[in-house]
């Protein structure tokens, strides 16, 4: 039924102004805003809506994964912009916060609302 229906994703934040600054300035994602809702214009022509929610609870799972050619460079640049990388007891990471064991190279971080994001090194990157 929905195989050809246009679809988009969305998630909530506790403060739209803070989200606008983080996604637009810290991460460098293209943005627009209309009717109190932020739209992230992601590479590949995908848009994601970000809406304020007074009783926001951060997503405990990864809501956005950014594919990068060089995870070391991406982590270094984001760290230089004040992004702190997460460490999870069940997933060992190196000093930079990069998980290097099973699967692709990945590093997790959160947005100011506590939602989990990641950078993943694209295979062959």
PDB file of N, CA and C in Angstrom:
ATOM      1  N   UNK A   1       0.820  -1.199   0.000  1.00  0.00           N
ATOM      2  CA  UNK A   1       0.000   0.000   0.000  1.00  0.00           C
ATOM      3  C   UNK A   1       0.865   1.265   0.000  1.00  0.00           C
ATOM      4  N   UNK A   2       1.973   1.282   0.756  1.00  0.00           N
ATOM      5  CA  UNK A   2       2.785   2.480   0.849  1.00  0.00           C
ATOM      6  C   UNK A   2       4.098   2.372   0.080  1.00  0.00           C
ATOM      7  N   UNK A   3       4.230   1.421  -0.782  1.00  0.00           N
ATOM      8  CA  UNK A   3       5.460   1.220  -1.532  1.00  0.00           C
ATOM      9  C   UNK A   3       5.868   2.390  -2.401  1.00  0.00           C
ATOM     10  N   UNK A   4       4.918   3.193  -2.847  1.00  0.00           N
ATOM     11  CA  UNK A   4       5.235   4.338  -3.704  1.00  0.00           C
ATOM     12  C   UNK A   4       4.832   5.672  -3.074  1.00  0.00           C
ATOM     13  N   UNK A   5       4.469   5.635  -1.800  1.00  0.00           N
ATOM     14  CA  UNK A   5       4.062   6.849  -1.098  1.00  0.00           C
ATOM     15  C   UNK A   5       5.287   7.591  -0.584  1.00  0.00           C
ATOM     16  N   UNK A   6       5.355   8.894  -0.845  1.00  0.00           N
ATOM     17  CA  UNK A   6       6.458   9.692  -0.307  1.00  0.00           C
ATOM     18  C   UNK A   6       6.396   9.652   1.214  1.00  0.00           C
ATOM     19  N   UNK A   7       7.571   9.512   1.821  1.00  0.00           N
ATOM     20  CA  UNK A   7       7.661   9.323   3.261  1.00  0.00           C
ATOM     21  C   UNK A   7       8.743  10.227   3.831  1.00  0.00           C
ATOM     22  N   UNK A   8       8.593  10.621   5.078  1.00  0.00           N
ATOM     23  CA  UNK A   8       9.636  11.386   5.752  1.00  0.00           C
ATOM     24  C   UNK A   8       9.686  10.938   7.199  1.00  0.00           C
ATOM     25  N   UNK A   9      10.780  11.250   7.842  1.00  0.00           N
ATOM     26  CA  UNK A   9      10.966  10.920   9.242  1.00  0.00           C
ATOM     27  C   UNK A   9      10.936  12.202  10.062  1.00  0.00           C
ATOM     28  N   UNK A  10      10.724  12.052  11.363  1.00  0.00           N
ATOM     29  CA  UNK A  10      10.734  13.208  12.258  1.00  0.00           C
ATOM     30  C   UNK A  10      11.149  12.755  13.652  1.00  0.00           C
ATOM     31  N   UNK A  11      11.580  13.728  14.433  1.00  0.00           N
ATOM     32  CA  UNK A  11      11.888  13.462  15.834  1.00  0.00           C
ATOM     33  C   UNK A  11      11.707  14.748  16.616  1.00  0.00           C
ATOM     34  N   UNK A  12      11.611  14.597  17.935  1.00  0.00           N
ATOM     35  CA  UNK A  12      11.362  15.765  18.780  1.00  0.00           C
ATOM     36  C   UNK A  12      12.636  16.225  19.479  1.00  0.00           C
ATOM     37  N   UNK A  13      12.594  17.483  19.901  1.00  0.00           N
ATOM     38  CA  UNK A  13      13.641  18.098  20.718  1.00  0.00           C
ATOM     39  C   UNK A  13      12.947  18.929  21.792  1.00  0.00           C
ATOM     40  N   UNK A  14      13.711  19.291  22.804  1.00  0.00           N
ATOM     41  CA  UNK A  14      13.122  20.102  23.867  1.00  0.00           C
ATOM     42  C   UNK A  14      13.255  21.593  23.623  1.00  0.00           C
ATOM     43  N   UNK A  15      14.134  22.002  22.677  1.00  0.00           N
ATOM     44  CA  UNK A  15      14.368  23.416  22.415  1.00  0.00           C
ATOM     45  C   UNK A  15      14.728  23.592  20.941  1.00  0.00           C
ATOM     46  N   UNK A  16      13.829  24.164  20.171  1.00  0.00           N
ATOM     47  CA  UNK A  16      14.031  24.306  18.733  1.00  0.00           C
ATOM     48  C   UNK A  16      15.172  25.263  18.396  1.00  0.00           C
ATOM     49  N   UNK A  17      15.342  26.337  19.153  1.00  0.00           N
ATOM     50  CA  UNK A  17      16.437  27.277  18.891  1.00  0.00           C
ATOM     51  C   UNK A  17      17.797  26.602  19.073  1.00  0.00           C
ATOM     52  N   UNK A  18      17.929  25.808  20.119  1.00  0.00           N
ATOM     53  CA  UNK A  18      19.177  25.085  20.358  1.00  0.00           C
ATOM     54  C   UNK A  18      19.408  24.055  19.261  1.00  0.00           C
ATOM     55  N   UNK A  19      18.356  23.367  18.853  1.00  0.00           N
ATOM     56  CA  UNK A  19      18.466  22.382  17.770  1.00  0.00           C
ATOM     57  C   UNK A  19      18.888  23.059  16.471  1.00  0.00           C
ATOM     58  N   UNK A  20      18.308  24.214  16.179  1.00  0.00           N
ATOM     59  CA  UNK A  20      18.652  24.958  14.954  1.00  0.00           C
ATOM     60  C   UNK A  20      20.146  25.279  14.933  1.00  0.00           C
ATOM     61  N   UNK A  21      20.653  25.749  16.039  1.00  0.00           N
ATOM     62  CA  UNK A  21      22.076  26.091  16.122  1.00  0.00           C
ATOM     63  C   UNK A  21      22.951  24.841  15.985  1.00  0.00           C
ATOM     64  N   UNK A  22      22.607  23.772  16.670  1.00  0.00           N
ATOM     65  CA  UNK A  22      23.399  22.549  16.633  1.00  0.00           C
ATOM     66  C   UNK A  22      23.415  21.937  15.228  1.00  0.00           C
ATOM     67  N   UNK A  23      22.243  21.727  14.655  1.00  0.00           N
ATOM     68  CA  UNK A  23      22.188  21.077  13.343  1.00  0.00           C
ATOM     69  C   UNK A  23      22.713  21.994  12.235  1.00  0.00           C
ATOM     70  N   UNK A  24      22.388  23.265  12.313  1.00  0.00           N
ATOM     71  CA  UNK A  24      22.815  24.196  11.273  1.00  0.00           C
ATOM     72  C   UNK A  24      24.262  24.623  11.380  1.00  0.00           C
ATOM     73  N   UNK A  25      24.692  24.994  12.585  1.00  0.00           N
ATOM     74  CA  UNK A  25      26.046  25.530  12.754  1.00  0.00           C
ATOM     75  C   UNK A  25      27.067  24.449  13.115  1.00  0.00           C
ATOM     76  N   UNK A  26      26.782  23.650  14.115  1.00  0.00           N
ATOM     77  CA  UNK A  26      27.752  22.641  14.547  1.00  0.00           C
ATOM     78  C   UNK A  26      27.912  21.538  13.511  1.00  0.00           C
ATOM     79  N   UNK A  27      26.786  21.010  13.007  1.00  0.00           N
ATOM     80  CA  UNK A  27      26.862  19.919  12.033  1.00  0.00           C
ATOM     81  C   UNK A  27      26.879  20.399  10.587  1.00  0.00           C
ATOM     82  N   UNK A  28      26.450  21.620  10.332  1.00  0.00           N
ATOM     83  CA  UNK A  28      26.472  22.153   8.974  1.00  0.00           C
ATOM     84  C   UNK A  28      25.400  21.598   8.051  1.00  0.00           C
ATOM     85  N   UNK A  29      24.284  21.187   8.624  1.00  0.00           N
ATOM     86  CA  UNK A  29      23.166  20.653   7.839  1.00  0.00           C
ATOM     87  C   UNK A  29      22.322  21.818   7.338  1.00  0.00           C
ATOM     88  N   UNK A  30      21.843  21.737   6.098  1.00  0.00           N
ATOM     89  CA  UNK A  30      20.933  22.749   5.568  1.00  0.00           C
ATOM     90  C   UNK A  30      19.615  22.708   6.322  1.00  0.00           C
ATOM     91  N   UNK A  31      19.042  23.887   6.595  1.00  0.00           N
ATOM     92  CA  UNK A  31      17.824  23.986   7.397  1.00  0.00           C
ATOM     93  C   UNK A  31      16.814  24.929   6.772  1.00  0.00           C
ATOM     94  N   UNK A  32      15.579  24.697   7.118  1.00  0.00           N
ATOM     95  CA  UNK A  32      14.531  25.686   6.896  1.00  0.00           C
ATOM     96  C   UNK A  32      13.557  25.546   8.061  1.00  0.00           C
ATOM     97  N   UNK A  33      12.723  26.555   8.227  1.00  0.00           N
ATOM     98  CA  UNK A  33      11.763  26.516   9.328  1.00  0.00           C
ATOM     99  C   UNK A  33      10.446  27.105   8.864  1.00  0.00           C
ATOM    100  N   UNK A  34       9.391  26.431   9.236  1.00  0.00           N
ATOM    101  CA  UNK A  34       8.054  26.905   8.900  1.00  0.00           C
ATOM    102  C   UNK A  34       7.086  26.430   9.975  1.00  0.00           C
ATOM    103  N   UNK A  35       6.248  27.337  10.420  1.00  0.00           N
ATOM    104  CA  UNK A  35       5.220  27.017  11.414  1.00  0.00           C
ATOM    105  C   UNK A  35       5.782  26.374  12.674  1.00  0.00           C
ATOM    106  N   UNK A  36       6.959  26.817  13.112  1.00  0.00           N
ATOM    107  CA  UNK A  36       7.533  26.301  14.340  1.00  0.00           C
ATOM    108  C   UNK A  36       8.107  24.904  14.239  1.00  0.00           C
ATOM    109  N   UNK A  37       8.347  24.442  13.004  1.00  0.00           N
ATOM    110  CA  UNK A  37       8.944  23.126  12.776  1.00  0.00           C
ATOM    111  C   UNK A  37      10.192  23.323  11.932  1.00  0.00           C
ATOM    112  N   UNK A  38      11.253  22.690  12.345  1.00  0.00           N
ATOM    113  CA  UNK A  38      12.533  22.769  11.650  1.00  0.00           C
ATOM    114  C   UNK A  38      12.620  21.617  10.655  1.00  0.00           C
ATOM    115  N   UNK A  39      13.102  21.884   9.453  1.00  0.00           N
ATOM    116  CA  UNK A  39      13.340  20.828   8.479  1.00  0.00           C
ATOM    117  C   UNK A  39      14.830  20.732   8.213  1.00  0.00           C
ATOM    118  N   UNK A  40      15.386  19.547   8.423  1.00  0.00           N
ATOM    119  CA  UNK A  40      16.779  19.275   8.088  1.00  0.00           C
ATOM    120  C   UNK A  40      16.812  18.797   6.648  1.00  0.00           C
ATOM    121  N   UNK A  41      17.585  19.459   5.808  1.00  0.00           N
ATOM    122  CA  UNK A  41      17.726  19.068   4.407  1.00  0.00           C
ATOM    123  C   UNK A  41      19.014  18.264   4.281  1.00  0.00           C
ATOM    124  N   UNK A  42      18.872  16.957   4.337  1.00  0.00           N
ATOM    125  CA  UNK A  42      20.019  16.058   4.351  1.00  0.00           C
ATOM    126  C   UNK A  42      20.476  15.733   2.931  1.00  0.00           C
ATOM    127  N   UNK A  43      21.747  15.385   2.811  1.00  0.00           N
ATOM    128  CA  UNK A  43      22.292  14.976   1.516  1.00  0.00           C
ATOM    129  C   UNK A  43      21.475  13.805   0.981  1.00  0.00           C
ATOM    130  N   UNK A  44      21.364  13.718  -0.324  1.00  0.00           N
ATOM    131  CA  UNK A  44      20.576  12.658  -0.935  1.00  0.00           C
ATOM    132  C   UNK A  44      19.126  13.048  -1.131  1.00  0.00           C
ATOM    133  N   UNK A  45      18.793  14.310  -0.835  1.00  0.00           N
ATOM    134  CA  UNK A  45      17.432  14.774  -1.072  1.00  0.00           C
ATOM    135  C   UNK A  45      16.425  14.336  -0.019  1.00  0.00           C
ATOM    136  N   UNK A  46      16.895  13.961   1.138  1.00  0.00           N
ATOM    137  CA  UNK A  46      15.997  13.527   2.211  1.00  0.00           C
ATOM    138  C   UNK A  46      15.818  14.654   3.224  1.00  0.00           C
ATOM    139  N   UNK A  47      14.595  14.882   3.613  1.00  0.00           N
ATOM    140  CA  UNK A  47      14.280  15.870   4.634  1.00  0.00           C
ATOM    141  C   UNK A  47      13.788  15.154   5.891  1.00  0.00           C
ATOM    142  N   UNK A  48      14.143  15.691   7.036  1.00  0.00           N
ATOM    143  CA  UNK A  48      13.694  15.170   8.317  1.00  0.00           C
ATOM    144  C   UNK A  48      13.129  16.347   9.097  1.00  0.00           C
ATOM    145  N   UNK A  49      11.948  16.158   9.674  1.00  0.00           N
ATOM    146  CA  UNK A  49      11.329  17.215  10.475  1.00  0.00           C
ATOM    147  C   UNK A  49      11.772  17.101  11.924  1.00  0.00           C
ATOM    148  N   UNK A  50      12.011  18.260  12.530  1.00  0.00           N
ATOM    149  CA  UNK A  50      12.370  18.349  13.938  1.00  0.00           C
ATOM    150  C   UNK A  50      11.347  19.264  14.587  1.00  0.00           C
ATOM    151  N   UNK A  51      10.645  18.758  15.580  1.00  0.00           N
ATOM    152  CA  UNK A  51       9.589  19.538  16.199  1.00  0.00           C
ATOM    153  C   UNK A  51       9.802  19.655  17.701  1.00  0.00           C
ATOM    154  N   UNK A  52       9.404  20.775  18.263  1.00  0.00           N
ATOM    155  CA  UNK A  52       9.545  20.949  19.708  1.00  0.00           C
ATOM    156  C   UNK A  52       8.464  20.161  20.441  1.00  0.00           C
ATOM    157  N   UNK A  53       8.856  19.579  21.558  1.00  0.00           N
ATOM    158  CA  UNK A  53       7.903  18.832  22.373  1.00  0.00           C
ATOM    159  C   UNK A  53       8.213  19.129  23.834  1.00  0.00           C
ATOM    160  N   UNK A  54       7.291  19.768  24.542  1.00  0.00           N
ATOM    161  CA  UNK A  54       7.557  20.178  25.924  1.00  0.00           C
ATOM    162  C   UNK A  54       7.963  19.026  26.845  1.00  0.00           C
ATOM    163  N   UNK A  55       7.388  17.847  26.647  1.00  0.00           N
ATOM    164  CA  UNK A  55       7.720  16.708  27.503  1.00  0.00           C
ATOM    165  C   UNK A  55       8.645  15.729  26.774  1.00  0.00           C
ATOM    166  N   UNK A  56       9.534  16.287  25.952  1.00  0.00           N
ATOM    167  CA  UNK A  56      10.471  15.503  25.149  1.00  0.00           C
ATOM    168  C   UNK A  56      11.253  14.500  25.993  1.00  0.00           C
ATOM    169  N   UNK A  57      11.349  13.296  25.470  1.00  0.00           N
ATOM    170  CA  UNK A  57      12.216  12.266  26.033  1.00  0.00           C
ATOM    171  C   UNK A  57      13.189  11.892  24.937  1.00  0.00           C
ATOM    172  N   UNK A  58      14.492  11.975  25.167  1.00  0.00           N
ATOM    173  CA  UNK A  58      15.462  11.668  24.119  1.00  0.00           C
ATOM    174  C   UNK A  58      15.331  10.238  23.613  1.00  0.00           C
ATOM    175  N   UNK A  59      15.558  10.078  22.311  1.00  0.00           N
ATOM    176  CA  UNK A  59      15.578   8.738  21.733  1.00  0.00           C
ATOM    177  C   UNK A  59      16.794   8.006  22.271  1.00  0.00           C
ATOM    178  N   UNK A  60      16.619   6.788  22.715  1.00  0.00           N
ATOM    179  CA  UNK A  60      17.730   6.011  23.265  1.00  0.00           C
ATOM    180  C   UNK A  60      18.407   5.164  22.184  1.00  0.00           C
ATOM    181  N   UNK A  61      17.975   5.329  20.972  1.00  0.00           N
ATOM    182  CA  UNK A  61      18.533   4.623  19.817  1.00  0.00           C
ATOM    183  C   UNK A  61      19.025   5.661  18.823  1.00  0.00           C
ATOM    184  N   UNK A  62      19.786   5.252  17.840  1.00  0.00           N
ATOM    185  CA  UNK A  62      20.355   6.185  16.871  1.00  0.00           C
ATOM    186  C   UNK A  62      19.279   6.643  15.896  1.00  0.00           C
ATOM    187  N   UNK A  63      19.034   7.955  15.858  1.00  0.00           N
ATOM    188  CA  UNK A  63      17.986   8.488  14.984  1.00  0.00           C
ATOM    189  C   UNK A  63      18.525   8.959  13.637  1.00  0.00           C
ATOM    190  N   UNK A  64      19.803   9.348  13.589  1.00  0.00           N
ATOM    191  CA  UNK A  64      20.430   9.762  12.325  1.00  0.00           C
ATOM    192  C   UNK A  64      21.845   9.210  12.283  1.00  0.00           C
ATOM    193  N   UNK A  65      22.211   8.668  11.124  1.00  0.00           N
ATOM    194  CA  UNK A  65      23.557   8.169  10.879  1.00  0.00           C
ATOM    195  C   UNK A  65      24.142   8.964   9.717  1.00  0.00           C
ATOM    196  N   UNK A  66      25.269   9.595   9.947  1.00  0.00           N
ATOM    197  CA  UNK A  66      25.927  10.365   8.893  1.00  0.00           C
ATOM    198  C   UNK A  66      27.080   9.537   8.328  1.00  0.00           C
ATOM    199  N   UNK A  67      26.982   9.154   7.053  1.00  0.00           N
ATOM    200  CA  UNK A  67      28.049   8.410   6.396  1.00  0.00           C
ATOM    201  C   UNK A  67      29.187   9.361   6.051  1.00  0.00           C
ATOM    202  N   UNK A  68      30.401   8.986   6.404  1.00  0.00           N
ATOM    203  CA  UNK A  68      31.574   9.819   6.146  1.00  0.00           C
ATOM    204  C   UNK A  68      32.647   8.980   5.469  1.00  0.00           C
ATOM    205  N   UNK A  69      33.512   9.633   4.701  1.00  0.00           N
ATOM    206  CA  UNK A  69      34.624   8.952   4.043  1.00  0.00           C
ATOM    207  C   UNK A  69      35.738   8.624   5.018  1.00  0.00           C
ATOM    208  N   UNK A  70      35.942   9.487   6.004  1.00  0.00           N
ATOM    209  CA  UNK A  70      37.059   9.347   6.938  1.00  0.00           C
ATOM    210  C   UNK A  70      36.554   9.628   8.351  1.00  0.00           C
ATOM    211  N   UNK A  71      36.309   8.577   9.099  1.00  0.00           N
ATOM    212  CA  UNK A  71      35.733   8.751  10.440  1.00  0.00           C
ATOM    213  C   UNK A  71      36.684   9.489  11.371  1.00  0.00           C
ATOM    214  N   UNK A  72      37.986   9.253  11.210  1.00  0.00           N
ATOM    215  CA  UNK A  72      38.962   9.960  12.063  1.00  0.00           C
ATOM    216  C   UNK A  72      38.828  11.472  11.881  1.00  0.00           C
ATOM    217  N   UNK A  73      38.778  11.911  10.625  1.00  0.00           N
ATOM    218  CA  UNK A  73      38.664  13.344  10.330  1.00  0.00           C
ATOM    219  C   UNK A  73      37.332  13.897  10.830  1.00  0.00           C
ATOM    220  N   UNK A  74      36.252  13.135  10.643  1.00  0.00           N
ATOM    221  CA  UNK A  74      34.934  13.595  11.084  1.00  0.00           C
ATOM    222  C   UNK A  74      34.879  13.739  12.605  1.00  0.00           C
ATOM    223  N   UNK A  75      35.396  12.747  13.310  1.00  0.00           N
ATOM    224  CA  UNK A  75      35.400  12.798  14.773  1.00  0.00           C
ATOM    225  C   UNK A  75      36.271  13.952  15.263  1.00  0.00           C
ATOM    226  N   UNK A  76      37.433  14.121  14.656  1.00  0.00           N
ATOM    227  CA  UNK A  76      38.310  15.227  15.059  1.00  0.00           C
ATOM    228  C   UNK A  76      37.632  16.578  14.836  1.00  0.00           C
ATOM    229  N   UNK A  77      36.998  16.749  13.674  1.00  0.00           N
ATOM    230  CA  UNK A  77      36.337  18.035  13.382  1.00  0.00           C
ATOM    231  C   UNK A  77      35.178  18.288  14.333  1.00  0.00           C
ATOM    232  N   UNK A  78      34.340  17.278  14.551  1.00  0.00           N
ATOM    233  CA  UNK A  78      33.212  17.454  15.471  1.00  0.00           C
ATOM    234  C   UNK A  78      33.691  17.702  16.899  1.00  0.00           C
ATOM    235  N   UNK A  79      34.714  16.998  17.316  1.00  0.00           N
ATOM    236  CA  UNK A  79      35.274  17.223  18.659  1.00  0.00           C
ATOM    237  C   UNK A  79      35.748  18.666  18.795  1.00  0.00           C
ATOM    238  N   UNK A  80      36.375  19.184  17.733  1.00  0.00           N
ATOM    239  CA  UNK A  80      36.830  20.567  17.733  1.00  0.00           C
ATOM    240  C   UNK A  80      35.687  21.562  17.796  1.00  0.00           C
ATOM    241  N   UNK A  81      34.498  21.125  17.416  1.00  0.00           N
ATOM    242  CA  UNK A  81      33.303  21.981  17.478  1.00  0.00           C
ATOM    243  C   UNK A  81      32.527  21.781  18.770  1.00  0.00           C
ATOM    244  N   UNK A  82      33.112  21.020  19.695  1.00  0.00           N
ATOM    245  CA  UNK A  82      32.480  20.841  20.999  1.00  0.00           C
ATOM    246  C   UNK A  82      31.613  19.612  21.149  1.00  0.00           C
ATOM    247  N   UNK A  83      31.559  18.753  20.140  1.00  0.00           N
ATOM    248  CA  UNK A  83      30.752  17.538  20.229  1.00  0.00           C
ATOM    249  C   UNK A  83      31.501  16.516  21.077  1.00  0.00           C
ATOM    250  N   UNK A  84      30.789  15.904  22.012  1.00  0.00           N
ATOM    251  CA  UNK A  84      31.364  14.881  22.888  1.00  0.00           C
ATOM    252  C   UNK A  84      30.843  13.520  22.437  1.00  0.00           C
ATOM    253  N   UNK A  85      31.738  12.579  22.249  1.00  0.00           N
ATOM    254  CA  UNK A  85      31.352  11.257  21.772  1.00  0.00           C
ATOM    255  C   UNK A  85      31.019  10.338  22.935  1.00  0.00           C
ATOM    256  N   UNK A  86      29.999   9.523  22.710  1.00  0.00           N
ATOM    257  CA  UNK A  86      29.488   8.629  23.738  1.00  0.00           C
ATOM    258  C   UNK A  86      30.347   7.379  23.862  1.00  0.00           C
ATOM    259  N   UNK A  87      30.354   6.811  25.041  1.00  0.00           N
ATOM    260  CA  UNK A  87      30.985   5.522  25.297  1.00  0.00           C
ATOM    261  C   UNK A  87      29.942   4.639  25.962  1.00  0.00           C
ATOM    262  N   UNK A  88      29.799   3.433  25.434  1.00  0.00           N
ATOM    263  CA  UNK A  88      28.838   2.478  25.973  1.00  0.00           C
ATOM    264  C   UNK A  88      29.593   1.273  26.518  1.00  0.00           C
ATOM    265  N   UNK A  89      29.186   0.808  27.687  1.00  0.00           N
ATOM    266  CA  UNK A  89      29.874  -0.314  28.334  1.00  0.00           C
ATOM    267  C   UNK A  89      29.926  -1.553  27.450  1.00  0.00           C
ATOM    268  N   UNK A  90      28.877  -1.808  26.707  1.00  0.00           N
ATOM    269  CA  UNK A  90      28.797  -3.038  25.908  1.00  0.00           C
ATOM    270  C   UNK A  90      29.433  -2.903  24.513  1.00  0.00           C
ATOM    271  N   UNK A  91      29.898  -1.707  24.157  1.00  0.00           N
ATOM    272  CA  UNK A  91      30.530  -1.480  22.852  1.00  0.00           C
ATOM    273  C   UNK A  91      31.845  -0.742  23.069  1.00  0.00           C
ATOM    274  N   UNK A  92      32.954  -1.447  23.066  1.00  0.00           N
ATOM    275  CA  UNK A  92      34.234  -0.792  23.332  1.00  0.00           C
ATOM    276  C   UNK A  92      34.592   0.231  22.250  1.00  0.00           C
ATOM    277  N   UNK A  93      35.174   1.342  22.700  1.00  0.00           N
ATOM    278  CA  UNK A  93      35.610   2.390  21.783  1.00  0.00           C
ATOM    279  C   UNK A  93      37.048   2.781  22.117  1.00  0.00           C
ATOM    280  N   UNK A  94      37.696   3.438  21.157  1.00  0.00           N
ATOM    281  CA  UNK A  94      39.051   3.923  21.404  1.00  0.00           C
ATOM    282  C   UNK A  94      38.989   5.267  22.137  1.00  0.00           C
ATOM    283  N   UNK A  95      40.127   5.912  22.279  1.00  0.00           N
ATOM    284  CA  UNK A  95      40.189   7.185  23.013  1.00  0.00           C
ATOM    285  C   UNK A  95      39.347   8.280  22.378  1.00  0.00           C
ATOM    286  N   UNK A  96      39.127   8.199  21.069  1.00  0.00           N
ATOM    287  CA  UNK A  96      38.318   9.208  20.366  1.00  0.00           C
ATOM    288  C   UNK A  96      36.824   8.907  20.439  1.00  0.00           C
ATOM    289  N   UNK A  97      36.462   7.691  20.860  1.00  0.00           N
ATOM    290  CA  UNK A  97      35.055   7.303  20.900  1.00  0.00           C
ATOM    291  C   UNK A  97      34.631   6.507  19.684  1.00  0.00           C
ATOM    292  N   UNK A  98      35.586   5.999  18.915  1.00  0.00           N
ATOM    293  CA  UNK A  98      35.267   5.221  17.710  1.00  0.00           C
ATOM    294  C   UNK A  98      35.221   3.735  18.053  1.00  0.00           C
ATOM    295  N   UNK A  99      34.123   3.103  17.697  1.00  0.00           N
ATOM    296  CA  UNK A  99      33.960   1.657  17.867  1.00  0.00           C
ATOM    297  C   UNK A  99      34.580   0.989  16.648  1.00  0.00           C
ATOM    298  N   UNK A 100      35.572   0.140  16.861  1.00  0.00           N
ATOM    299  CA  UNK A 100      36.364  -0.435  15.773  1.00  0.00           C
ATOM    300  C   UNK A 100      36.235  -1.946  15.664  1.00  0.00           C
ATOM    301  N   UNK A 101      35.356  -2.542  16.423  1.00  0.00           N
ATOM    302  CA  UNK A 101      35.255  -3.996  16.384  1.00  0.00           C
ATOM    303  C   UNK A 101      34.267  -4.421  15.304  1.00  0.00           C
ATOM    304  N   UNK A 102      33.348  -5.296  15.598  1.00  0.00           N
ATOM    305  CA  UNK A 102      32.440  -5.806  14.574  1.00  0.00           C
ATOM    306  C   UNK A 102      31.668  -4.681  13.889  1.00  0.00           C
ATOM    307  N   UNK A 103      31.424  -4.881  12.589  1.00  0.00           N
ATOM    308  CA  UNK A 103      30.674  -3.888  11.820  1.00  0.00           C
ATOM    309  C   UNK A 103      31.544  -2.740  11.353  1.00  0.00           C
ATOM    310  N   UNK A 104      30.906  -1.719  10.788  1.00  0.00           N
ATOM    311  CA  UNK A 104      31.668  -0.570  10.281  1.00  0.00           C
ATOM    312  C   UNK A 104      32.212   0.282  11.428  1.00  0.00           C
ATOM    313  N   UNK A 105      33.205   1.113  11.121  1.00  0.00           N
ATOM    314  CA  UNK A 105      33.709   2.065  12.111  1.00  0.00           C
ATOM    315  C   UNK A 105      32.596   3.064  12.400  1.00  0.00           C
ATOM    316  N   UNK A 106      32.292   3.272  13.664  1.00  0.00           N
ATOM    317  CA  UNK A 106      31.169   4.125  14.051  1.00  0.00           C
ATOM    318  C   UNK A 106      31.497   4.853  15.346  1.00  0.00           C
ATOM    319  N   UNK A 107      30.988   6.068  15.476  1.00  0.00           N
ATOM    320  CA  UNK A 107      31.114   6.839  16.712  1.00  0.00           C
ATOM    321  C   UNK A 107      29.773   7.519  16.973  1.00  0.00           C
ATOM    322  N   UNK A 108      29.300   7.425  18.204  1.00  0.00           N
ATOM    323  CA  UNK A 108      28.003   7.978  18.572  1.00  0.00           C
ATOM    324  C   UNK A 108      28.160   9.272  19.356  1.00  0.00           C
ATOM    325  N   UNK A 109      27.211  10.166  19.162  1.00  0.00           N
ATOM    326  CA  UNK A 109      27.148  11.411  19.921  1.00  0.00           C
ATOM    327  C   UNK A 109      25.685  11.792  20.056  1.00  0.00           C
ATOM    328  N   UNK A 110      25.399  12.791  20.873  1.00  0.00           N
ATOM    329  CA  UNK A 110      24.006  13.201  21.049  1.00  0.00           C
ATOM    330  C   UNK A 110      23.831  14.653  20.624  1.00  0.00           C
ATOM    331  N   UNK A 111      22.600  14.976  20.254  1.00  0.00           N
ATOM    332  CA  UNK A 111      22.277  16.378  20.019  1.00  0.00           C
ATOM    333  C   UNK A 111      21.979  17.019  21.378  1.00  0.00           C
ATOM    334  N   UNK A 112      21.784  18.333  21.438  1.00  0.00           N
ATOM    335  CA  UNK A 112      21.545  18.976  22.741  1.00  0.00           C
ATOM    336  C   UNK A 112      20.305  18.460  23.471  1.00  0.00           C
ATOM    337  N   UNK A 113      19.367  17.849  22.730  1.00  0.00           N
ATOM    338  CA  UNK A 113      18.165  17.303  23.360  1.00  0.00           C
ATOM    339  C   UNK A 113      18.371  15.876  23.855  1.00  0.00           C
ATOM    340  N   UNK A 114      19.575  15.311  23.607  1.00  0.00           N
ATOM    341  CA  UNK A 114      19.880  13.965  24.081  1.00  0.00           C
ATOM    342  C   UNK A 114      19.611  12.858  23.089  1.00  0.00           C
ATOM    343  N   UNK A 115      19.130  13.190  21.880  1.00  0.00           N
ATOM    344  CA  UNK A 115      18.898  12.178  20.852  1.00  0.00           C
ATOM    345  C   UNK A 115      20.236  11.650  20.343  1.00  0.00           C
ATOM    346  N   UNK A 116      20.314  10.355  20.076  1.00  0.00           N
ATOM    347  CA  UNK A 116      21.561   9.722  19.653  1.00  0.00           C
ATOM    348  C   UNK A 116      21.745   9.828  18.142  1.00  0.00           C
ATOM    349  N   UNK A 117      22.943  10.252  17.730  1.00  0.00           N
ATOM    350  CA  UNK A 117      23.336  10.361  16.326  1.00  0.00           C
ATOM    351  C   UNK A 117      24.641   9.592  16.170  1.00  0.00           C
ATOM    352  N   UNK A 118      25.058   9.352  14.917  1.00  0.00           N
ATOM    353  CA  UNK A 118      26.352   8.702  14.713  1.00  0.00           C
ATOM    354  C   UNK A 118      27.001   9.181  13.435  1.00  0.00           C
ATOM    355  N   UNK A 119      28.305   8.993  13.386  1.00  0.00           N
ATOM    356  CA  UNK A 119      29.060   9.064  12.135  1.00  0.00           C
ATOM    357  C   UNK A 119      29.564   7.655  11.880  1.00  0.00           C
ATOM    358  N   UNK A 120      29.420   7.211  10.653  1.00  0.00           N
ATOM    359  CA  UNK A 120      29.833   5.866  10.239  1.00  0.00           C
ATOM    360  C   UNK A 120      30.719   6.010   9.023  1.00  0.00           C
ATOM    361  N   UNK A 121      31.855   5.329   9.058  1.00  0.00           N
ATOM    362  CA  UNK A 121      32.730   5.372   7.899  1.00  0.00           C
ATOM    363  C   UNK A 121      32.152   4.486   6.810  1.00  0.00           C
ATOM    364  N   UNK A 122      31.939   5.100   5.663  1.00  0.00           N
ATOM    365  CA  UNK A 122      31.392   4.387   4.514  1.00  0.00           C
ATOM    366  C   UNK A 122      32.388   3.313   4.077  1.00  0.00           C
ATOM    367  N   UNK A 123      31.915   2.110   3.766  1.00  0.00           N
ATOM    368  CA  UNK A 123      32.845   1.077   3.305  1.00  0.00           C
ATOM    369  C   UNK A 123      33.716   1.593   2.163  1.00  0.00           C
ATOM    370  N   UNK A 124      35.003   1.327   2.258  1.00  0.00           N
ATOM    371  CA  UNK A 124      35.926   1.814   1.256  1.00  0.00           C
ATOM    372  C   UNK A 124      36.344   3.258   1.483  1.00  0.00           C
ATOM    373  N   UNK A 125      35.855   3.879   2.621  1.00  0.00           N
ATOM    374  CA  UNK A 125      36.134   5.274   2.923  1.00  0.00           C
ATOM    375  C   UNK A 125      37.528   5.547   3.375  1.00  0.00           C
TER     376      UNK A 125
END
